[in-house]
């Protein structure tokens, strides 16, 4: 017997962060009060777990799904560190990144 699983959409990175979301807020056990903003595409989801040992709070933003004011988020939560983590092709082609310039 042979089984074939057919899916219309296969997202290997869904296992991390339960898929792609506009904004994910992660509160960790760290007490250093350091906050990080990660602006990313789906490839970055697998990297996020490696950051939790270094920051007390991590704000993960996927610009494809985030419609709010990014500068307001940074100011409201007093975020000092930012990491942009993209696949090179996505970074070059994704029109949502242009929102950072506005």
N, C-alpha and C. Protein backbone atom coordinates (compact mmCIF):
# COMPACT_ATOMS: atom_id res chain seq x y z
N UNK A 1 0.85 -1.18 0.00
CA UNK A 1 0.00 0.00 0.00
C UNK A 1 0.89 1.24 0.00
N UNK A 2 0.50 2.24 -0.75
CA UNK A 2 1.28 3.46 -0.87
C UNK A 2 0.42 4.65 -0.51
N UNK A 3 0.94 5.51 0.35
CA UNK A 3 0.21 6.70 0.79
C UNK A 3 0.84 7.93 0.19
N UNK A 4 0.01 8.81 -0.26
CA UNK A 4 0.49 10.09 -0.77
C UNK A 4 -0.28 11.19 -0.08
N UNK A 5 0.45 12.11 0.50
CA UNK A 5 -0.18 13.24 1.17
C UNK A 5 -0.04 14.45 0.26
N UNK A 6 -1.16 15.02 -0.08
CA UNK A 6 -1.15 16.20 -0.95
C UNK A 6 -1.62 17.41 -0.15
N UNK A 7 -0.83 18.43 -0.17
CA UNK A 7 -1.19 19.69 0.49
C UNK A 7 -1.08 20.81 -0.53
N UNK A 8 -2.02 21.69 -0.48
CA UNK A 8 -1.96 22.83 -1.39
C UNK A 8 -0.82 23.77 -1.02
N UNK A 9 -0.58 23.90 0.29
CA UNK A 9 0.47 24.80 0.74
C UNK A 9 1.28 24.08 1.80
N UNK A 10 2.57 24.06 1.63
CA UNK A 10 3.44 23.41 2.59
C UNK A 10 4.39 24.45 3.15
N UNK A 11 4.28 24.73 4.42
CA UNK A 11 5.14 25.71 5.08
C UNK A 11 5.96 24.98 6.12
N UNK A 12 7.20 24.70 5.82
CA UNK A 12 8.07 23.98 6.73
C UNK A 12 8.36 24.77 8.01
N UNK A 13 8.20 26.07 7.94
CA UNK A 13 8.54 26.92 9.08
C UNK A 13 7.36 27.14 10.02
N UNK A 14 6.24 26.51 9.72
CA UNK A 14 5.05 26.65 10.56
C UNK A 14 5.26 26.05 11.95
N UNK A 15 6.15 25.09 12.06
CA UNK A 15 6.43 24.47 13.35
C UNK A 15 7.00 25.49 14.34
N UNK A 16 7.65 26.52 13.83
CA UNK A 16 8.18 27.59 14.67
C UNK A 16 7.16 28.71 14.73
N UNK A 17 6.82 29.16 15.88
CA UNK A 17 5.90 30.28 16.09
C UNK A 17 4.49 30.01 15.57
N UNK A 18 4.19 28.76 15.27
CA UNK A 18 2.86 28.37 14.79
C UNK A 18 2.48 29.10 13.49
N UNK A 19 3.44 29.31 12.63
CA UNK A 19 3.18 29.95 11.34
C UNK A 19 3.62 31.40 11.30
N UNK A 20 3.16 32.11 10.30
CA UNK A 20 3.50 33.52 10.12
C UNK A 20 2.38 34.40 10.66
N UNK A 21 2.77 35.38 11.43
CA UNK A 21 1.81 36.31 12.03
C UNK A 21 2.37 37.73 11.88
N UNK A 22 1.49 38.69 11.89
CA UNK A 22 1.93 40.08 11.79
C UNK A 22 2.82 40.48 12.96
N UNK A 23 2.41 40.09 14.17
CA UNK A 23 3.17 40.43 15.37
C UNK A 23 3.09 39.29 16.37
N UNK A 24 4.25 38.90 16.86
CA UNK A 24 4.34 37.92 17.95
C UNK A 24 5.16 38.57 19.06
N UNK A 25 4.63 38.53 20.26
CA UNK A 25 5.36 39.05 21.43
C UNK A 25 5.77 37.87 22.28
N UNK A 26 7.07 37.75 22.54
CA UNK A 26 7.61 36.65 23.34
C UNK A 26 8.20 37.24 24.61
N UNK A 27 7.66 36.84 25.75
CA UNK A 27 8.23 37.21 27.05
C UNK A 27 9.02 36.01 27.54
N UNK A 28 10.30 36.21 27.82
CA UNK A 28 11.17 35.10 28.21
C UNK A 28 11.43 35.14 29.71
N UNK A 29 12.22 34.20 30.17
CA UNK A 29 12.58 34.14 31.59
C UNK A 29 13.77 35.04 31.92
N UNK A 30 14.35 35.67 30.94
CA UNK A 30 15.49 36.55 31.17
C UNK A 30 15.06 37.78 31.97
N UNK A 31 15.94 38.24 32.82
CA UNK A 31 15.64 39.41 33.66
C UNK A 31 16.48 40.63 33.28
N UNK A 32 17.12 40.58 32.12
CA UNK A 32 18.02 41.67 31.73
C UNK A 32 17.31 42.89 31.16
N UNK A 33 16.01 42.82 30.98
CA UNK A 33 15.17 43.92 30.48
C UNK A 33 15.56 44.38 29.08
N UNK A 34 16.30 43.56 28.34
CA UNK A 34 16.64 43.88 26.96
C UNK A 34 15.47 43.46 26.07
N UNK A 35 15.15 44.32 25.11
CA UNK A 35 14.04 44.05 24.18
C UNK A 35 14.57 44.08 22.76
N UNK A 36 14.07 43.18 21.95
CA UNK A 36 14.51 43.05 20.57
C UNK A 36 13.32 43.07 19.63
N UNK A 37 13.45 43.82 18.55
CA UNK A 37 12.48 43.78 17.47
C UNK A 37 13.12 42.99 16.33
N UNK A 38 12.45 41.92 15.90
CA UNK A 38 12.89 41.14 14.76
C UNK A 38 11.91 41.39 13.62
N UNK A 39 12.41 41.95 12.53
CA UNK A 39 11.61 42.14 11.32
C UNK A 39 12.06 41.04 10.37
N UNK A 40 11.12 40.21 9.92
CA UNK A 40 11.54 38.97 9.27
C UNK A 40 10.56 38.46 8.23
N UNK A 41 11.01 37.44 7.49
CA UNK A 41 10.13 36.64 6.66
C UNK A 41 10.04 35.25 7.30
N UNK A 42 9.39 34.32 6.66
CA UNK A 42 9.17 33.01 7.28
C UNK A 42 10.45 32.23 7.53
N UNK A 43 11.48 32.46 6.74
CA UNK A 43 12.74 31.75 6.95
C UNK A 43 13.33 32.03 8.33
N UNK A 44 13.06 33.18 8.87
CA UNK A 44 13.62 33.56 10.17
C UNK A 44 12.95 32.86 11.33
N UNK A 45 11.78 32.28 11.12
CA UNK A 45 11.07 31.63 12.23
C UNK A 45 11.93 30.60 12.95
N UNK A 46 12.75 29.89 12.22
CA UNK A 46 13.58 28.86 12.83
C UNK A 46 14.73 29.43 13.67
N UNK A 47 15.05 30.69 13.50
CA UNK A 47 16.14 31.33 14.24
C UNK A 47 15.68 31.94 15.56
N UNK A 48 14.42 32.30 15.65
CA UNK A 48 13.89 33.00 16.82
C UNK A 48 14.17 32.27 18.14
N UNK A 49 14.02 30.94 18.22
CA UNK A 49 14.30 30.26 19.49
C UNK A 49 15.72 30.48 20.03
N UNK A 50 16.67 30.76 19.15
CA UNK A 50 18.04 30.99 19.60
C UNK A 50 18.22 32.35 20.28
N UNK A 51 17.25 33.22 20.16
CA UNK A 51 17.34 34.56 20.74
C UNK A 51 16.80 34.66 22.15
N UNK A 52 15.98 33.70 22.57
CA UNK A 52 15.27 33.83 23.85
C UNK A 52 16.20 33.84 25.07
N UNK A 53 17.39 33.34 24.94
CA UNK A 53 18.32 33.36 26.07
C UNK A 53 19.01 34.72 26.24
N UNK A 54 18.79 35.62 25.30
CA UNK A 54 19.52 36.89 25.31
C UNK A 54 18.65 38.11 25.54
N UNK A 55 17.33 37.95 25.49
CA UNK A 55 16.41 39.09 25.63
C UNK A 55 15.25 38.73 26.54
N UNK A 56 14.80 39.70 27.30
CA UNK A 56 13.64 39.47 28.16
C UNK A 56 12.34 39.54 27.37
N UNK A 57 12.34 40.33 26.29
CA UNK A 57 11.17 40.40 25.41
C UNK A 57 11.63 40.47 23.96
N UNK A 58 10.90 39.75 23.12
CA UNK A 58 11.18 39.76 21.69
C UNK A 58 9.88 40.05 20.96
N UNK A 59 9.91 41.05 20.10
CA UNK A 59 8.76 41.41 19.28
C UNK A 59 9.11 40.98 17.85
N UNK A 60 8.34 40.07 17.30
CA UNK A 60 8.60 39.52 15.98
C UNK A 60 7.56 40.08 15.02
N UNK A 61 8.01 40.78 13.99
CA UNK A 61 7.10 41.41 13.03
C UNK A 61 7.37 40.86 11.63
N UNK A 62 6.30 40.43 10.99
CA UNK A 62 6.35 40.03 9.59
C UNK A 62 5.60 41.11 8.83
N UNK A 63 6.31 41.92 8.08
CA UNK A 63 5.72 43.08 7.42
C UNK A 63 4.64 42.71 6.40
N UNK A 64 4.64 41.47 5.93
CA UNK A 64 3.60 41.05 4.98
C UNK A 64 2.23 41.03 5.64
N UNK A 65 2.20 40.89 6.98
CA UNK A 65 0.95 40.77 7.71
C UNK A 65 0.76 41.86 8.76
N UNK A 66 1.70 42.75 8.91
CA UNK A 66 1.65 43.79 9.95
C UNK A 66 1.25 45.11 9.32
N UNK A 67 0.13 45.66 9.75
CA UNK A 67 -0.39 46.89 9.14
C UNK A 67 -0.24 48.11 10.05
N UNK A 68 0.17 47.91 11.28
CA UNK A 68 0.28 49.02 12.22
C UNK A 68 1.59 49.77 12.04
N UNK A 69 1.75 50.83 12.80
CA UNK A 69 2.92 51.70 12.74
C UNK A 69 4.08 51.05 13.50
N UNK A 70 5.11 50.65 12.79
CA UNK A 70 6.26 49.99 13.40
C UNK A 70 7.01 50.92 14.34
N UNK A 71 7.15 52.17 13.97
CA UNK A 71 7.84 53.14 14.83
C UNK A 71 7.10 53.33 16.15
N UNK A 72 5.78 53.31 16.10
CA UNK A 72 4.98 53.44 17.32
C UNK A 72 5.17 52.23 18.23
N UNK A 73 5.28 51.04 17.64
CA UNK A 73 5.54 49.83 18.43
C UNK A 73 6.87 49.94 19.16
N UNK A 74 7.90 50.39 18.44
CA UNK A 74 9.23 50.54 19.02
C UNK A 74 9.21 51.56 20.16
N UNK A 75 8.55 52.67 19.93
CA UNK A 75 8.49 53.73 20.95
C UNK A 75 7.67 53.29 22.16
N UNK A 76 6.54 52.68 21.91
CA UNK A 76 5.65 52.26 23.01
C UNK A 76 6.31 51.27 23.95
N UNK A 77 7.14 50.38 23.40
CA UNK A 77 7.77 49.33 24.22
C UNK A 77 9.24 49.61 24.53
N UNK A 78 9.72 50.79 24.15
CA UNK A 78 11.10 51.19 24.41
C UNK A 78 12.09 50.13 23.93
N UNK A 79 11.93 49.73 22.68
CA UNK A 79 12.80 48.71 22.08
C UNK A 79 14.07 49.39 21.56
N UNK A 80 15.22 48.85 21.96
CA UNK A 80 16.51 49.45 21.59
C UNK A 80 17.26 48.66 20.51
N UNK A 81 16.96 47.37 20.38
CA UNK A 81 17.69 46.52 19.44
C UNK A 81 16.75 46.03 18.34
N UNK A 82 17.30 45.95 17.12
CA UNK A 82 16.51 45.49 15.98
C UNK A 82 17.34 44.55 15.13
N UNK A 83 16.71 43.49 14.67
CA UNK A 83 17.35 42.53 13.78
C UNK A 83 16.45 42.34 12.57
N UNK A 84 16.99 42.55 11.38
CA UNK A 84 16.26 42.25 10.15
C UNK A 84 16.81 40.94 9.63
N UNK A 85 15.91 39.97 9.50
CA UNK A 85 16.34 38.62 9.14
C UNK A 85 15.47 38.11 7.99
N UNK A 86 16.06 38.11 6.79
CA UNK A 86 15.33 37.76 5.57
C UNK A 86 16.16 36.84 4.69
N UNK A 87 15.48 36.04 3.91
CA UNK A 87 16.08 35.36 2.79
C UNK A 87 16.48 36.46 1.80
N UNK A 88 17.64 36.36 1.18
CA UNK A 88 18.13 37.43 0.31
C UNK A 88 17.17 37.73 -0.84
N UNK A 89 16.59 36.72 -1.44
CA UNK A 89 15.64 36.96 -2.53
C UNK A 89 14.39 37.67 -2.04
N UNK A 90 13.89 37.26 -0.90
CA UNK A 90 12.70 37.89 -0.33
C UNK A 90 12.98 39.35 -0.01
N UNK A 91 14.13 39.61 0.57
CA UNK A 91 14.49 40.97 0.95
C UNK A 91 14.52 41.88 -0.28
N UNK A 92 15.03 41.37 -1.36
CA UNK A 92 15.14 42.14 -2.58
C UNK A 92 13.78 42.35 -3.27
N UNK A 93 12.88 41.38 -3.15
CA UNK A 93 11.64 41.40 -3.92
C UNK A 93 10.39 41.78 -3.12
N UNK A 94 10.43 41.71 -1.81
CA UNK A 94 9.23 41.91 -0.99
C UNK A 94 8.84 43.39 -0.93
N UNK A 95 7.68 43.76 -1.48
CA UNK A 95 7.27 45.16 -1.47
C UNK A 95 6.91 45.68 -0.08
N UNK A 96 6.62 44.80 0.86
CA UNK A 96 6.25 45.26 2.21
C UNK A 96 7.42 45.88 2.95
N UNK A 97 8.64 45.60 2.55
CA UNK A 97 9.81 46.18 3.19
C UNK A 97 9.88 47.68 2.94
N UNK A 98 9.32 48.12 1.84
CA UNK A 98 9.31 49.55 1.52
C UNK A 98 8.59 50.34 2.61
N UNK A 99 7.71 49.68 3.39
CA UNK A 99 7.00 50.34 4.47
C UNK A 99 7.95 50.88 5.55
N UNK A 100 9.12 50.28 5.66
CA UNK A 100 10.09 50.73 6.65
C UNK A 100 10.61 52.14 6.32
N UNK A 101 10.59 52.48 5.08
CA UNK A 101 11.11 53.77 4.65
C UNK A 101 10.12 54.90 4.84
N UNK A 102 8.87 54.55 5.05
CA UNK A 102 7.82 55.58 5.19
C UNK A 102 7.71 56.09 6.60
